[in-house]
Protein backbone atom coordinates (compact mmCIF):
# COMPACT_ATOMS: atom_id res chain seq x y z
CA MET A 1 0.00 0.12 0.04
CA SER A 2 1.30 3.35 -0.83
CA ILE A 3 0.84 6.48 0.66
CA ARG A 4 0.43 9.76 -1.47
CA LYS A 5 0.91 12.79 -0.42
CA ARG A 6 -1.32 15.98 -1.33
CA ALA A 7 0.50 18.72 -3.16
CA ALA A 8 0.47 21.74 -1.02
CA ALA A 9 -1.47 24.62 -2.58
CA ALA A 10 -0.14 27.18 -4.29
CA TYR A 11 0.47 30.67 -2.49
CA ARG A 12 -2.38 33.19 -3.71
CA PRO A 13 -1.00 36.61 -3.44
CA ARG A 14 -3.08 39.70 -3.05
CA VAL A 15 -3.52 42.41 -5.74
CA GLY A 16 -0.30 44.85 -5.41
CA GLU A 17 1.35 42.38 -3.41
CA SER A 18 4.79 42.41 -3.85
CA VAL A 19 6.09 38.31 -4.59
CA LEU A 20 8.94 36.48 -5.86
CA ASP A 21 9.23 34.51 -9.42
CA THR A 22 11.44 31.78 -7.87
CA ARG A 23 11.56 30.32 -11.54
CA THR A 24 13.51 33.67 -12.67
CA GLY A 25 14.41 35.32 -9.27
CA ARG A 26 12.45 38.41 -10.47
CA THR A 27 10.32 40.71 -7.85
CA GLY A 28 7.40 41.57 -9.31
CA ILE A 29 3.81 43.04 -8.08
CA TYR A 30 0.94 40.53 -8.70
CA MET A 31 -1.67 42.11 -10.72
CA ASP A 32 -4.39 39.26 -11.69
CA THR A 33 -4.66 35.54 -12.26
CA ILE A 34 -5.80 34.46 -15.78
CA GLY A 35 -5.93 31.19 -17.46
CA GLY A 36 -4.06 29.46 -14.36
CA GLU A 37 -1.47 31.99 -14.69
CA HIS A 38 -0.21 34.40 -12.67
CA TYR A 39 0.43 37.88 -14.18
CA LEU A 40 3.54 40.13 -12.53
CA ARG A 41 4.94 43.50 -13.35
CA PRO A 42 8.38 45.12 -12.49
CA PRO A 43 8.15 47.15 -9.09
CA GLU A 44 9.49 50.21 -11.18
CA GLY A 45 6.86 49.69 -13.84
CA GLY A 46 7.31 47.79 -17.11
CA CYS A 47 5.89 44.65 -19.30
CA GLU A 48 4.28 42.02 -17.22
CA TRP A 49 5.44 38.60 -17.40
CA THR A 50 3.48 35.88 -16.36
CA ALA A 51 4.34 32.75 -13.88
CA ARG A 52 2.92 29.46 -12.51
CA PRO A 53 1.38 29.93 -9.46
CA GLU A 54 4.15 27.31 -7.81
CA HIS A 55 7.00 29.48 -8.66
CA VAL A 56 5.29 32.66 -6.61
CA THR A 57 6.04 33.19 -2.96
CA PRO A 58 5.88 36.27 -0.86
CA ALA A 59 8.88 38.65 -1.27
CA GLY A 60 11.07 39.37 1.51
CA PRO A 61 12.90 42.33 2.21
CA ALA A 62 15.91 40.56 0.88
CA ASP A 63 14.00 40.47 -2.34
CA GLY A 64 13.18 44.24 -2.42
CA GLY A 65 9.63 43.50 -0.70
CA SER A 66 8.66 45.43 1.99
CA ALA A 67 5.63 44.64 4.09
CA GLY A 68 4.73 42.09 1.25
CA THR A 69 2.48 45.02 -0.42
CA ALA A 70 3.30 47.76 -2.68
CA ASP A 71 2.79 50.77 -0.87
CA ALA A 72 3.77 53.94 -2.15
CA ASP A 73 4.23 54.79 -5.99
CA PRO A 74 8.28 55.05 -6.62
CA ALA A 75 7.56 58.35 -8.47
CA ASP A 76 6.22 59.93 -5.00
CA PRO A 77 6.44 58.40 -2.06
CA THR A 78 3.70 59.92 -0.34
CA ARG A 79 1.12 59.08 -2.85
CA PRO A 80 -0.34 55.34 -2.60
CA ALA A 81 0.01 52.86 -5.44
CA GLY A 82 -2.54 52.98 -8.17
CA ARG A 83 -3.28 56.39 -7.66
CA ALA A 84 -3.52 58.65 -10.27
CA ASP A 85 -2.47 62.73 -10.07
CA PRO A 86 -5.62 64.82 -9.24
CA ALA A 87 -6.79 66.72 -12.17
CA PRO A 88 -5.35 69.92 -12.75
CA THR A 89 -7.54 72.76 -11.14
CA ALA A 90 -8.25 75.86 -13.86
CA PRO A 91 -6.57 78.86 -12.83
CA ALA A 92 -8.49 81.48 -10.97
CA HIS A 93 -10.03 84.21 -12.97
CA ALA A 94 -8.96 87.84 -12.25
CA ALA A 95 -12.02 89.74 -11.76
C-alpha cells in the first residue's frame, strides 16, 4: 500500500503584493491570475510577465519586498500606489 502526499496549495497573493518569481529570481507586483497563470509587473513599472502559481512566493526584504505590498508609488512616496495625480485645477480668473 502506498501513501500519497497531497501537493501543498500554491501561494495566493493579493493584488498589489510584492512577490518573488522563484523560476526567474525576479521580484514583481502581483496583478491578476488569468488562465491559471499569475501576471506580475516590475515594481518600477514596465512590461508584465506570467508565472506559474507554484513559482510565486511572498517577497521578503532581501528580495526587494517590504511589508508584502506595494505601498507607495516610486515616483512619489507620499502617494499610495495605483492613484492617479488629481486633475489639474483651472486657474482662477481675475475679476
